[in-house]
């Protein structure tokens, strides 16, 4: 009976060693898979950071261009405003000239006669 009991214990011990070896192998596989996935994620994060960096750079360039164009538009608005004032002044001047010259002077009688005599 003791010999049978020893064999059972030996069998259980071998089965425990096999299970332990299988467990270690499974753990090693899980660790390797985790490392591979982590490396892939790190690579993807690096790629996304690069893309974000490029986009941020492009956004900064576009903001700079926008500021330059805003400055140009302000200059053009000032020039347009100045031109508008000049146009108003010109319009007033033309209106004044038209009002002062609205009644053409009649030539004097002597001039009419001269013109009439020239026509003959």
PDB file of N, CA and C in Angstrom:
ATOM      1  N   UNK A   1       0.815  -1.175   0.000  1.00  0.00           N
ATOM      2  CA  UNK A   1       0.000   0.000   0.000  1.00  0.00           C
ATOM      3  C   UNK A   1       0.866   1.247   0.000  1.00  0.00           C
ATOM      4  N   UNK A   2       1.921   1.213   0.739  1.00  0.00           N
ATOM      5  CA  UNK A   2       2.829   2.353   0.779  1.00  0.00           C
ATOM      6  C   UNK A   2       3.467   2.549  -0.587  1.00  0.00           C
ATOM      7  N   UNK A   3       3.763   1.466  -1.276  1.00  0.00           N
ATOM      8  CA  UNK A   3       4.372   1.588  -2.596  1.00  0.00           C
ATOM      9  C   UNK A   3       3.377   2.207  -3.569  1.00  0.00           C
ATOM     10  N   UNK A   4       2.116   1.837  -3.496  1.00  0.00           N
ATOM     11  CA  UNK A   4       1.073   2.410  -4.360  1.00  0.00           C
ATOM     12  C   UNK A   4       0.864   3.890  -4.042  1.00  0.00           C
ATOM     13  N   UNK A   5       0.951   4.183  -2.757  1.00  0.00           N
ATOM     14  CA  UNK A   5       0.777   5.572  -2.331  1.00  0.00           C
ATOM     15  C   UNK A   5       1.946   6.425  -2.829  1.00  0.00           C
ATOM     16  N   UNK A   6       3.147   5.873  -2.811  1.00  0.00           N
ATOM     17  CA  UNK A   6       4.333   6.580  -3.297  1.00  0.00           C
ATOM     18  C   UNK A   6       4.247   6.818  -4.800  1.00  0.00           C
ATOM     19  N   UNK A   7       3.745   5.817  -5.506  1.00  0.00           N
ATOM     20  CA  UNK A   7       3.588   5.989  -6.957  1.00  0.00           C
ATOM     21  C   UNK A   7       2.562   7.080  -7.263  1.00  0.00           C
ATOM     22  N   UNK A   8       1.497   7.133  -6.529  1.00  0.00           N
ATOM     23  CA  UNK A   8       0.467   8.150  -6.717  1.00  0.00           C
ATOM     24  C   UNK A   8       1.051   9.534  -6.445  1.00  0.00           C
ATOM     25  N   UNK A   9       1.815   9.603  -5.373  1.00  0.00           N
ATOM     26  CA  UNK A   9       2.446  10.891  -5.047  1.00  0.00           C
ATOM     27  C   UNK A   9       3.435  11.301  -6.144  1.00  0.00           C
ATOM     28  N   UNK A  10       4.195  10.333  -6.636  1.00  0.00           N
ATOM     29  CA  UNK A  10       5.168  10.606  -7.704  1.00  0.00           C
ATOM     30  C   UNK A  10       4.438  11.059  -8.975  1.00  0.00           C
ATOM     31  N   UNK A  11       3.348  10.414  -9.292  1.00  0.00           N
ATOM     32  CA  UNK A  11       2.552  10.776 -10.475  1.00  0.00           C
ATOM     33  C   UNK A  11       1.988  12.183 -10.317  1.00  0.00           C
ATOM     34  N   UNK A  12       1.468  12.473  -9.159  1.00  0.00           N
ATOM     35  CA  UNK A  12       0.919  13.806  -8.902  1.00  0.00           C
ATOM     36  C   UNK A  12       2.021  14.864  -8.991  1.00  0.00           C
ATOM     37  N   UNK A  13       3.213  14.499  -8.484  1.00  0.00           N
ATOM     38  CA  UNK A  13       4.348  15.422  -8.536  1.00  0.00           C
ATOM     39  C   UNK A  13       4.754  15.682  -9.988  1.00  0.00           C
ATOM     40  N   UNK A  14       4.795  14.672 -10.829  1.00  0.00           N
ATOM     41  CA  UNK A  14       5.116  14.833 -12.255  1.00  0.00           C
ATOM     42  C   UNK A  14       4.049  15.675 -12.963  1.00  0.00           C
ATOM     43  N   UNK A  15       2.798  15.399 -12.660  1.00  0.00           N
ATOM     44  CA  UNK A  15       1.706  16.177 -13.254  1.00  0.00           C
ATOM     45  C   UNK A  15       1.797  17.643 -12.823  1.00  0.00           C
ATOM     46  N   UNK A  16       2.150  17.890 -11.568  1.00  0.00           N
ATOM     47  CA  UNK A  16       2.299  19.259 -11.071  1.00  0.00           C
ATOM     48  C   UNK A  16       3.447  19.965 -11.793  1.00  0.00           C
ATOM     49  N   UNK A  17       4.563  19.206 -12.018  1.00  0.00           N
ATOM     50  CA  UNK A  17       5.699  19.800 -12.755  1.00  0.00           C
ATOM     51  C   UNK A  17       5.306  20.127 -14.194  1.00  0.00           C
ATOM     52  N   UNK A  18       4.583  19.218 -14.834  1.00  0.00           N
ATOM     53  CA  UNK A  18       4.114  19.470 -16.204  1.00  0.00           C
ATOM     54  C   UNK A  18       3.181  20.689 -16.237  1.00  0.00           C
ATOM     55  N   UNK A  19       2.273  20.750 -15.296  1.00  0.00           N
ATOM     56  CA  UNK A  19       1.334  21.881 -15.235  1.00  0.00           C
ATOM     57  C   UNK A  19       2.096  23.187 -14.981  1.00  0.00           C
ATOM     58  N   UNK A  20       3.116  23.101 -14.106  1.00  0.00           N
ATOM     59  CA  UNK A  20       3.935  24.281 -13.816  1.00  0.00           C
ATOM     60  C   UNK A  20       4.705  24.721 -15.070  1.00  0.00           C
ATOM     61  N   UNK A  21       5.265  23.771 -15.805  1.00  0.00           N
ATOM     62  CA  UNK A  21       6.002  24.077 -17.034  1.00  0.00           C
ATOM     63  C   UNK A  21       5.047  24.682 -18.073  1.00  0.00           C
ATOM     64  N   UNK A  22       3.865  24.088 -18.177  1.00  0.00           N
ATOM     65  CA  UNK A  22       2.885  24.610 -19.123  1.00  0.00           C
ATOM     66  C   UNK A  22       2.450  26.026 -18.719  1.00  0.00           C
ATOM     67  N   UNK A  23       2.283  26.247 -17.431  1.00  0.00           N
ATOM     68  CA  UNK A  23       1.907  27.573 -16.927  1.00  0.00           C
ATOM     69  C   UNK A  23       3.001  28.595 -17.222  1.00  0.00           C
ATOM     70  N   UNK A  24       4.261  28.195 -17.030  1.00  0.00           N
ATOM     71  CA  UNK A  24       5.387  29.098 -17.338  1.00  0.00           C
ATOM     72  C   UNK A  24       5.413  29.428 -18.828  1.00  0.00           C
ATOM     73  N   UNK A  25       5.185  28.419 -19.649  1.00  0.00           N
ATOM     74  CA  UNK A  25       5.171  28.633 -21.100  1.00  0.00           C
ATOM     75  C   UNK A  25       4.038  29.581 -21.491  1.00  0.00           C
ATOM     76  N   UNK A  26       2.860  29.377 -20.901  1.00  0.00           N
ATOM     77  CA  UNK A  26       1.715  30.252 -21.173  1.00  0.00           C
ATOM     78  C   UNK A  26       2.021  31.679 -20.730  1.00  0.00           C
ATOM     79  N   UNK A  27       2.631  31.806 -19.550  1.00  0.00           N
ATOM     80  CA  UNK A  27       3.005  33.139 -19.047  1.00  0.00           C
ATOM     81  C   UNK A  27       4.015  33.815 -19.987  1.00  0.00           C
ATOM     82  N   UNK A  28       4.971  33.048 -20.461  1.00  0.00           N
ATOM     83  CA  UNK A  28       5.970  33.584 -21.378  1.00  0.00           C
ATOM     84  C   UNK A  28       5.305  34.048 -22.682  1.00  0.00           C
ATOM     85  N   UNK A  29       4.358  33.249 -23.182  1.00  0.00           N
ATOM     86  CA  UNK A  29       3.625  33.642 -24.397  1.00  0.00           C
ATOM     87  C   UNK A  29       2.834  34.930 -24.173  1.00  0.00           C
ATOM     88  N   UNK A  30       2.180  35.005 -23.022  1.00  0.00           N
ATOM     89  CA  UNK A  30       1.390  36.206 -22.698  1.00  0.00           C
ATOM     90  C   UNK A  30       2.305  37.426 -22.603  1.00  0.00           C
ATOM     91  N   UNK A  31       3.474  37.261 -21.943  1.00  0.00           N
ATOM     92  CA  UNK A  31       4.422  38.372 -21.818  1.00  0.00           C
ATOM     93  C   UNK A  31       4.912  38.816 -23.195  1.00  0.00           C
ATOM     94  N   UNK A  32       5.229  37.845 -24.064  1.00  0.00           N
ATOM     95  CA  UNK A  32       5.710  38.177 -25.401  1.00  0.00           C
ATOM     96  C   UNK A  32       4.634  38.910 -26.199  1.00  0.00           C
ATOM     97  N   UNK A  33       3.405  38.420 -26.101  1.00  0.00           N
ATOM     98  CA  UNK A  33       2.296  39.074 -26.797  1.00  0.00           C
ATOM     99  C   UNK A  33       2.108  40.496 -26.279  1.00  0.00           C
ATOM    100  N   UNK A  34       2.177  40.662 -24.964  1.00  0.00           N
ATOM    101  CA  UNK A  34       2.027  41.988 -24.360  1.00  0.00           C
ATOM    102  C   UNK A  34       3.147  42.913 -24.822  1.00  0.00           C
ATOM    103  N   UNK A  35       4.372  42.397 -24.860  1.00  0.00           N
ATOM    104  CA  UNK A  35       5.502  43.225 -25.316  1.00  0.00           C
ATOM    105  C   UNK A  35       5.319  43.641 -26.777  1.00  0.00           C
ATOM    106  N   UNK A  36       4.889  42.687 -27.596  1.00  0.00           N
ATOM    107  CA  UNK A  36       4.669  42.988 -29.019  1.00  0.00           C
ATOM    108  C   UNK A  36       3.577  44.045 -29.191  1.00  0.00           C
ATOM    109  N   UNK A  37       2.487  43.876 -28.477  1.00  0.00           N
ATOM    110  CA  UNK A  37       1.384  44.841 -28.572  1.00  0.00           C
ATOM    111  C   UNK A  37       1.810  46.205 -28.046  1.00  0.00           C
ATOM    112  N   UNK A  38       2.560  46.215 -26.947  1.00  0.00           N
ATOM    113  CA  UNK A  38       3.038  47.470 -26.382  1.00  0.00           C
ATOM    114  C   UNK A  38       3.978  48.181 -27.364  1.00  0.00           C
ATOM    115  N   UNK A  39       4.864  47.424 -28.003  1.00  0.00           N
ATOM    116  CA  UNK A  39       5.775  48.002 -28.990  1.00  0.00           C
ATOM    117  C   UNK A  39       4.996  48.575 -30.171  1.00  0.00           C
ATOM    118  N   UNK A  40       3.964  47.847 -30.613  1.00  0.00           N
ATOM    119  CA  UNK A  40       3.135  48.333 -31.716  1.00  0.00           C
ATOM    120  C   UNK A  40       2.403  49.615 -31.309  1.00  0.00           C
ATOM    121  N   UNK A  41       1.913  49.648 -30.078  1.00  0.00           N
ATOM    122  CA  UNK A  41       1.229  50.847 -29.597  1.00  0.00           C
ATOM    123  C   UNK A  41       2.191  52.026 -29.474  1.00  0.00           C
ATOM    124  N   UNK A  42       3.400  51.763 -28.996  1.00  0.00           N
ATOM    125  CA  UNK A  42       4.395  52.828 -28.901  1.00  0.00           C
ATOM    126  C   UNK A  42       4.708  53.385 -30.291  1.00  0.00           C
ATOM    127  N   UNK A  43       4.827  52.497 -31.261  1.00  0.00           N
ATOM    128  CA  UNK A  43       5.105  52.926 -32.633  1.00  0.00           C
ATOM    129  C   UNK A  43       3.954  53.786 -33.157  1.00  0.00           C
ATOM    130  N   UNK A  44       2.731  53.340 -32.903  1.00  0.00           N
ATOM    131  CA  UNK A  44       1.554  54.087 -33.361  1.00  0.00           C
ATOM    132  C   UNK A  44       1.486  55.454 -32.678  1.00  0.00           C
ATOM    133  N   UNK A  45       1.791  55.503 -31.390  1.00  0.00           N
ATOM    134  CA  UNK A  45       1.798  56.774 -30.657  1.00  0.00           C
ATOM    135  C   UNK A  45       2.835  57.717 -31.262  1.00  0.00           C
ATOM    136  N   UNK A  46       4.012  57.195 -31.582  1.00  0.00           N
ATOM    137  CA  UNK A  46       5.062  58.019 -32.186  1.00  0.00           C
ATOM    138  C   UNK A  46       4.602  58.560 -33.542  1.00  0.00           C
ATOM    139  N   UNK A  47       3.946  57.712 -34.329  1.00  0.00           N
ATOM    140  CA  UNK A  47       3.436  58.155 -35.634  1.00  0.00           C
ATOM    141  C   UNK A  47       2.381  59.251 -35.463  1.00  0.00           C
ATOM    142  N   UNK A  48       1.476  59.052 -34.507  1.00  0.00           N
ATOM    143  CA  UNK A  48       0.426  60.049 -34.268  1.00  0.00           C
ATOM    144  C   UNK A  48       1.010  61.363 -33.766  1.00  0.00           C
ATOM    145  N   UNK A  49       2.031  61.273 -32.918  1.00  0.00           N
ATOM    146  CA  UNK A  49       2.686  62.494 -32.439  1.00  0.00           C
ATOM    147  C   UNK A  49       3.321  63.237 -33.603  1.00  0.00           C
ATOM    148  N   UNK A  50       3.914  62.499 -34.515  1.00  0.00           N
ATOM    149  CA  UNK A  50       4.526  63.128 -35.697  1.00  0.00           C
ATOM    150  C   UNK A  50       3.461  63.820 -36.546  1.00  0.00           C
ATOM    151  N   UNK A  51       2.332  63.135 -36.738  1.00  0.00           N
ATOM    152  CA  UNK A  51       1.242  63.713 -37.530  1.00  0.00           C
ATOM    153  C   UNK A  51       0.702  64.964 -36.842  1.00  0.00           C
ATOM    154  N   UNK A  52       0.503  64.872 -35.541  1.00  0.00           N
ATOM    155  CA  UNK A  52      -0.003  66.020 -34.781  1.00  0.00           C
ATOM    156  C   UNK A  52       0.997  67.175 -34.845  1.00  0.00           C
ATOM    157  N   UNK A  53       2.280  66.844 -34.743  1.00  0.00           N
ATOM    158  CA  UNK A  53       3.314  67.874 -34.841  1.00  0.00           C
ATOM    159  C   UNK A  53       3.277  68.583 -36.182  1.00  0.00           C
ATOM    160  N   UNK A  54       3.129  67.805 -37.261  1.00  0.00           N
ATOM    161  CA  UNK A  54       3.036  68.396 -38.599  1.00  0.00           C
ATOM    162  C   UNK A  54       1.785  69.258 -38.735  1.00  0.00           C
ATOM    163  N   UNK A  55       0.690  68.779 -38.195  1.00  0.00           N
ATOM    164  CA  UNK A  55      -0.557  69.545 -38.275  1.00  0.00           C
ATOM    165  C   UNK A  55      -0.434  70.835 -37.470  1.00  0.00           C
ATOM    166  N   UNK A  56       0.155  70.747 -36.288  1.00  0.00           N
ATOM    167  CA  UNK A  56       0.346  71.949 -35.476  1.00  0.00           C
ATOM    168  C   UNK A  56       1.244  72.947 -36.193  1.00  0.00           C
ATOM    169  N   UNK A  57       2.267  72.437 -36.854  1.00  0.00           N
ATOM    170  CA  UNK A  57       3.167  73.295 -37.624  1.00  0.00           C
ATOM    171  C   UNK A  57       2.392  73.981 -38.753  1.00  0.00           C
ATOM    172  N   UNK A  58       1.564  73.228 -39.444  1.00  0.00           N
ATOM    173  CA  UNK A  58       0.760  73.780 -40.547  1.00  0.00           C
ATOM    174  C   UNK A  58      -0.233  74.812 -40.009  1.00  0.00           C
ATOM    175  N   UNK A  59      -0.827  74.525 -38.863  1.00  0.00           N
ATOM    176  CA  UNK A  59      -1.765  75.472 -38.248  1.00  0.00           C
ATOM    177  C   UNK A  59      -1.041  76.766 -37.910  1.00  0.00           C
ATOM    178  N   UNK A  60       0.165  76.661 -37.369  1.00  0.00           N
ATOM    179  CA  UNK A  60       0.947  77.854 -37.035  1.00  0.00           C
ATOM    180  C   UNK A  60       1.258  78.662 -38.296  1.00  0.00           C
ATOM    181  N   UNK A  61       1.605  77.977 -39.382  1.00  0.00           N
ATOM    182  CA  UNK A  61       1.873  78.674 -40.646  1.00  0.00           C
ATOM    183  C   UNK A  61       0.625  79.392 -41.143  1.00  0.00           C
ATOM    184  N   UNK A  62      -0.509  78.708 -41.085  1.00  0.00           N
ATOM    185  CA  UNK A  62      -1.752  79.302 -41.552  1.00  0.00           C
ATOM    186  C   UNK A  62      -2.155  80.497 -40.689  1.00  0.00           C
ATOM    187  N   UNK A  63      -1.927  80.399 -39.380  1.00  0.00           N
ATOM    188  CA  UNK A  63      -2.230  81.524 -38.498  1.00  0.00           C
ATOM    189  C   UNK A  63      -1.344  82.716 -38.828  1.00  0.00           C
ATOM    190  N   UNK A  64      -0.090  82.463 -39.120  1.00  0.00           N
ATOM    191  CA  UNK A  64       0.836  83.538 -39.490  1.00  0.00           C
ATOM    192  C   UNK A  64       0.385  84.203 -40.797  1.00  0.00           C
ATOM    193  N   UNK A  65       0.002  83.373 -41.782  1.00  0.00           N
ATOM    194  CA  UNK A  65      -0.492  83.915 -43.050  1.00  0.00           C
ATOM    195  C   UNK A  65      -1.758  84.735 -42.833  1.00  0.00           C
ATOM    196  N   UNK A  66      -2.619  84.247 -41.947  1.00  0.00           N
ATOM    197  CA  UNK A  66      -3.859  84.952 -41.650  1.00  0.00           C
ATOM    198  C   UNK A  66      -3.568  86.312 -41.024  1.00  0.00           C
ATOM    199  N   UNK A  67      -2.615  86.368 -40.119  1.00  0.00           N
ATOM    200  CA  UNK A  67      -2.246  87.642 -39.501  1.00  0.00           C
ATOM    201  C   UNK A  67      -1.675  88.603 -40.539  1.00  0.00           C
ATOM    202  N   UNK A  68      -0.847  88.083 -41.451  1.00  0.00           N
ATOM    203  CA  UNK A  68      -0.288  88.922 -42.513  1.00  0.00           C
ATOM    204  C   UNK A  68      -1.399  89.468 -43.402  1.00  0.00           C
ATOM    205  N   UNK A  69      -2.338  88.632 -43.755  1.00  0.00           N
ATOM    206  CA  UNK A  69      -3.439  89.072 -44.620  1.00  0.00           C
ATOM    207  C   UNK A  69      -4.342  90.063 -43.894  1.00  0.00           C
ATOM    208  N   UNK A  70      -4.548  89.848 -42.585  1.00  0.00           N
ATOM    209  CA  UNK A  70      -5.326  90.809 -41.808  1.00  0.00           C
ATOM    210  C   UNK A  70      -4.659  92.178 -41.835  1.00  0.00           C
ATOM    211  N   UNK A  71      -3.335  92.192 -41.672  1.00  0.00           N
ATOM    212  CA  UNK A  71      -2.601  93.457 -41.713  1.00  0.00           C
ATOM    213  C   UNK A  71      -2.744  94.111 -43.087  1.00  0.00           C
ATOM    214  N   UNK A  72      -2.630  93.313 -44.149  1.00  0.00           N
ATOM    215  CA  UNK A  72      -2.800  93.843 -45.504  1.00  0.00           C
ATOM    216  C   UNK A  72      -4.204  94.402 -45.700  1.00  0.00           C
ATOM    217  N   UNK A  73      -5.215  93.692 -45.191  1.00  0.00           N
ATOM    218  CA  UNK A  73      -6.589  94.162 -45.325  1.00  0.00           C
ATOM    219  C   UNK A  73      -6.801  95.468 -44.568  1.00  0.00           C
ATOM    220  N   UNK A  74      -6.185  95.590 -43.404  1.00  0.00           N
ATOM    221  CA  UNK A  74      -6.301  96.845 -42.643  1.00  0.00           C
ATOM    222  C   UNK A  74      -5.684  97.987 -43.428  1.00  0.00           C
ATOM    223  N   UNK A  75      -4.515  97.746 -44.023  1.00  0.00           N
ATOM    224  CA  UNK A  75      -3.872  98.778 -44.847  1.00  0.00           C
ATOM    225  C   UNK A  75      -4.778  99.168 -46.013  1.00  0.00           C
ATOM    226  N   UNK A  76      -5.328  98.150 -46.690  1.00  0.00           N
ATOM    227  CA  UNK A  76      -6.213  98.425 -47.822  1.00  0.00           C
ATOM    228  C   UNK A  76      -7.465  99.179 -47.385  1.00  0.00           C
ATOM    229  N   UNK A  77      -7.987  98.858 -46.212  1.00  0.00           N
ATOM    230  CA  UNK A  77      -9.173  99.557 -45.708  1.00  0.00           C
ATOM    231  C   UNK A  77      -8.842 101.021 -45.435  1.00  0.00           C
ATOM    232  N   UNK A  78      -7.662 101.276 -44.880  1.00  0.00           N
ATOM    233  CA  UNK A  78      -7.245 102.654 -44.634  1.00  0.00           C
ATOM    234  C   UNK A  78      -7.088 103.406 -45.957  1.00  0.00           C
ATOM    235  N   UNK A  79      -6.468 102.764 -46.941  1.00  0.00           N
ATOM    236  CA  UNK A  79      -6.302 103.392 -48.261  1.00  0.00           C
ATOM    237  C   UNK A  79      -7.662 103.642 -48.889  1.00  0.00           C
ATOM    238  N   UNK A  80      -8.562 102.664 -48.783  1.00  0.00           N
ATOM    239  CA  UNK A  80      -9.904 102.801 -49.343  1.00  0.00           C
ATOM    240  C   UNK A  80     -10.649 103.952 -48.678  1.00  0.00           C
ATOM    241  N   UNK A  81     -10.506 104.053 -47.361  1.00  0.00           N
ATOM    242  CA  UNK A  81     -11.162 105.134 -46.629  1.00  0.00           C
ATOM    243  C   UNK A  81     -10.608 106.494 -47.078  1.00  0.00           C
ATOM    244  N   UNK A  82      -9.284 106.579 -47.213  1.00  0.00           N
ATOM    245  CA  UNK A  82      -8.670 107.819 -47.678  1.00  0.00           C
ATOM    246  C   UNK A  82      -9.138 108.152 -49.095  1.00  0.00           C
ATOM    247  N   UNK A  83      -9.192 107.168 -49.964  1.00  0.00           N
ATOM    248  CA  UNK A  83      -9.682 107.388 -51.328  1.00  0.00           C
ATOM    249  C   UNK A  83     -11.143 107.819 -51.327  1.00  0.00           C
ATOM    250  N   UNK A  84     -11.924 107.237 -50.436  1.00  0.00           N
ATOM    251  CA  UNK A  84     -13.334 107.613 -50.330  1.00  0.00           C
ATOM    252  C   UNK A  84     -13.482 109.074 -49.944  1.00  0.00           C
ATOM    253  N   UNK A  85     -12.645 109.527 -48.993  1.00  0.00           N
ATOM    254  CA  UNK A  85     -12.683 110.927 -48.593  1.00  0.00           C
ATOM    255  C   UNK A  85     -12.272 111.821 -49.757  1.00  0.00           C
ATOM    256  N   UNK A  86     -11.260 111.423 -50.495  1.00  0.00           N
ATOM    257  CA  UNK A  86     -10.815 112.200 -51.655  1.00  0.00           C
ATOM    258  C   UNK A  86     -11.915 112.260 -52.713  1.00  0.00           C
ATOM    259  N   UNK A  87     -12.605 111.138 -52.906  1.00  0.00           N
ATOM    260  CA  UNK A  87     -13.691 111.118 -53.888  1.00  0.00           C
ATOM    261  C   UNK A  87     -14.811 112.055 -53.459  1.00  0.00           C
ATOM    262  N   UNK A  88     -15.111 112.094 -52.160  1.00  0.00           N
ATOM    263  CA  UNK A  88     -16.138 113.019 -51.672  1.00  0.00           C
ATOM    264  C   UNK A  88     -15.708 114.461 -51.904  1.00  0.00           C
ATOM    265  N   UNK A  89     -14.428 114.739 -51.623  1.00  0.00           N
ATOM    266  CA  UNK A  89     -13.913 116.091 -51.848  1.00  0.00           C
ATOM    267  C   UNK A  89     -13.992 116.453 -53.325  1.00  0.00           C
ATOM    268  N   UNK A  90     -13.616 115.516 -54.195  1.00  0.00           N
ATOM    269  CA  UNK A  90     -13.704 115.769 -55.632  1.00  0.00           C
ATOM    270  C   UNK A  90     -15.155 115.999 -56.069  1.00  0.00           C
ATOM    271  N   UNK A  91     -16.057 115.167 -55.535  1.00  0.00           N
ATOM    272  CA  UNK A  91     -17.468 115.314 -55.888  1.00  0.00           C
ATOM    273  C   UNK A  91     -17.994 116.673 -55.441  1.00  0.00           C
ATOM    274  N   UNK A  92     -17.620 117.102 -54.247  1.00  0.00           N
ATOM    275  CA  UNK A  92     -18.043 118.422 -53.761  1.00  0.00           C
ATOM    276  C   UNK A  92     -17.461 119.523 -54.637  1.00  0.00           C
ATOM    277  N   UNK A  93     -16.178 119.366 -55.000  1.00  0.00           N
ATOM    278  CA  UNK A  93     -15.545 120.354 -55.856  1.00  0.00           C
ATOM    279  C   UNK A  93     -16.217 120.428 -57.208  1.00  0.00           C
ATOM    280  N   UNK A  94     -16.529 119.290 -57.793  1.00  0.00           N
ATOM    281  CA  UNK A  94     -17.202 119.266 -59.092  1.00  0.00           C
ATOM    282  C   UNK A  94     -18.584 119.884 -58.981  1.00  0.00           C
ATOM    283  N   UNK A  95     -19.300 119.568 -57.891  1.00  0.00           N
ATOM    284  CA  UNK A  95     -20.629 120.128 -57.678  1.00  0.00           C
ATOM    285  C   UNK A  95     -20.546 121.645 -57.567  1.00  0.00           C
ATOM    286  N   UNK A  96     -19.560 122.123 -56.818  1.00  0.00           N
ATOM    287  CA  UNK A  96     -19.393 123.570 -56.689  1.00  0.00           C
ATOM    288  C   UNK A  96     -19.075 124.200 -58.041  1.00  0.00           C
ATOM    289  N   UNK A  97     -18.208 123.569 -58.806  1.00  0.00           N
ATOM    290  CA  UNK A  97     -17.880 124.097 -60.129  1.00  0.00           C
ATOM    291  C   UNK A  97     -19.115 124.125 -61.028  1.00  0.00           C
ATOM    292  N   UNK A  98     -19.902 123.060 -60.962  1.00  0.00           N
ATOM    293  CA  UNK A  98     -21.113 123.027 -61.796  1.00  0.00           C
ATOM    294  C   UNK A  98     -22.098 124.108 -61.386  1.00  0.00           C
ATOM    295  N   UNK A  99     -22.216 124.378 -60.107  1.00  0.00           N
ATOM    296  CA  UNK A  99     -23.148 125.405 -59.639  1.00  0.00           C
ATOM    297  C   UNK A  99     -22.644 126.796 -60.010  1.00  0.00           C
ATOM    298  N   UNK A 100     -21.359 127.011 -59.910  1.00  0.00           N
ATOM    299  CA  UNK A 100     -20.839 128.347 -60.254  1.00  0.00           C
ATOM    300  C   UNK A 100     -20.855 128.557 -61.760  1.00  0.00           C
ATOM    301  N   UNK A 101     -20.745 127.527 -62.525  1.00  0.00           N
ATOM    302  CA  UNK A 101     -20.720 127.655 -63.987  1.00  0.00           C
ATOM    303  C   UNK A 101     -22.059 127.238 -64.597  1.00  0.00           C
ATOM    304  N   UNK A 102     -23.090 127.087 -63.769  1.00  0.00           N
ATOM    305  CA  UNK A 102     -24.379 126.625 -64.276  1.00  0.00           C
ATOM    306  C   UNK A 102     -24.972 127.650 -65.237  1.00  0.00           C
ATOM    307  N   UNK A 103     -24.768 128.908 -64.938  1.00  0.00           N
ATOM    308  CA  UNK A 103     -25.272 129.939 -65.837  1.00  0.00           C
ATOM    309  C   UNK A 103     -24.093 130.468 -66.647  1.00  0.00           C
ATOM    310  N   UNK A 104     -24.050 130.060 -67.865  1.00  0.00           N
ATOM    311  CA  UNK A 104     -22.929 130.575 -68.659  1.00  0.00           C
ATOM    312  C   UNK A 104     -23.117 132.079 -68.899  1.00  0.00           C
ATOM    313  N   UNK A 105     -22.063 132.766 -68.883  1.00  0.00           N
ATOM    314  CA  UNK A 105     -22.119 134.213 -69.122  1.00  0.00           C
ATOM    315  C   UNK A 105     -22.506 134.448 -70.575  1.00  0.00           C
ATOM    316  N   UNK A 106     -23.320 135.433 -70.721  1.00  0.00           N
ATOM    317  CA  UNK A 106     -23.678 135.808 -72.090  1.00  0.00           C
ATOM    318  C   UNK A 106     -22.579 136.725 -72.611  1.00  0.00           C
ATOM    319  N   UNK A 107     -22.199 136.453 -73.781  1.00  0.00           N
ATOM    320  CA  UNK A 107     -21.178 137.346 -74.317  1.00  0.00           C
ATOM    321  C   UNK A 107     -21.745 138.762 -74.482  1.00  0.00           C
ATOM    322  N   UNK A 108     -20.905 139.670 -74.339  1.00  0.00           N
ATOM    323  CA  UNK A 108     -21.365 141.054 -74.470  1.00  0.00           C
ATOM    324  C   UNK A 108     -21.858 141.290 -75.898  1.00  0.00           C
ATOM    325  N   UNK A 109     -22.564 142.365 -76.059  1.00  0.00           N
ATOM    326  CA  UNK A 109     -23.166 142.662 -77.357  1.00  0.00           C
ATOM    327  C   UNK A 109     -22.097 142.841 -78.428  1.00  0.00           C
ATOM    328  N   UNK A 110     -21.022 143.399 -78.005  1.00  0.00           N
ATOM    329  CA  UNK A 110     -19.949 143.616 -78.948  1.00  0.00           C
ATOM    330  C   UNK A 110     -19.381 142.303 -79.445  1.00  0.00           C
ATOM    331  N   UNK A 111     -19.299 141.411 -78.593  1.00  0.00           N
ATOM    332  CA  UNK A 111     -18.783 140.088 -78.987  1.00  0.00           C
ATOM    333  C   UNK A 111     -19.768 139.393 -79.915  1.00  0.00           C
ATOM    334  N   UNK A 112     -21.064 139.586 -79.635  1.00  0.00           N
ATOM    335  CA  UNK A 112     -22.052 138.951 -80.486  1.00  0.00           C
ATOM    336  C   UNK A 112     -21.972 139.529 -81.896  1.00  0.00           C
ATOM    337  N   UNK A 113     -21.828 140.781 -81.904  1.00  0.00           N
ATOM    338  CA  UNK A 113     -21.733 141.414 -83.208  1.00  0.00           C
ATOM    339  C   UNK A 113     -20.464 140.953 -83.919  1.00  0.00           C
ATOM    340  N   UNK A 114     -19.439 140.828 -83.201  1.00  0.00           N
ATOM    341  CA  UNK A 114     -18.194 140.391 -83.805  1.00  0.00           C
ATOM    342  C   UNK A 114     -18.374 138.965 -84.316  1.00  0.00           C
ATOM    343  N   UNK A 115     -19.013 138.157 -83.520  1.00  0.00           N
ATOM    344  CA  UNK A 115     -19.244 136.787 -83.938  1.00  0.00           C
ATOM    345  C   UNK A 115     -20.165 136.759 -85.146  1.00  0.00           C
ATOM    346  N   UNK A 116     -21.174 137.635 -85.143  1.00  0.00           N
ATOM    347  CA  UNK A 116     -22.110 137.682 -86.269  1.00  0.00           C
ATOM    348  C   UNK A 116     -21.409 138.203 -87.513  1.00  0.00           C
ATOM    349  N   UNK A 117     -20.549 139.178 -87.330  1.00  0.00           N
ATOM    350  CA  UNK A 117     -19.863 139.726 -88.488  1.00  0.00           C
ATOM    351  C   UNK A 117     -18.859 138.726 -89.037  1.00  0.00           C
ATOM    352  N   UNK A 118     -18.278 137.925 -88.151  1.00  0.00           N
ATOM    353  CA  UNK A 118     -17.348 136.887 -88.617  1.00  0.00           C
ATOM    354  C   UNK A 118     -18.091 135.809 -89.398  1.00  0.00           C
ATOM    355  N   UNK A 119     -19.306 135.538 -88.991  1.00  0.00           N
ATOM    356  CA  UNK A 119     -20.090 134.501 -89.650  1.00  0.00           C
ATOM    357  C   UNK A 119     -20.457 134.943 -91.058  1.00  0.00           C
ATOM    358  N   UNK A 120     -20.601 136.255 -91.290  1.00  0.00           N
ATOM    359  CA  UNK A 120     -20.990 136.745 -92.610  1.00  0.00           C
ATOM    360  C   UNK A 120     -19.799 136.739 -93.463  1.00  0.00           C
TER     361      UNK A 120
END
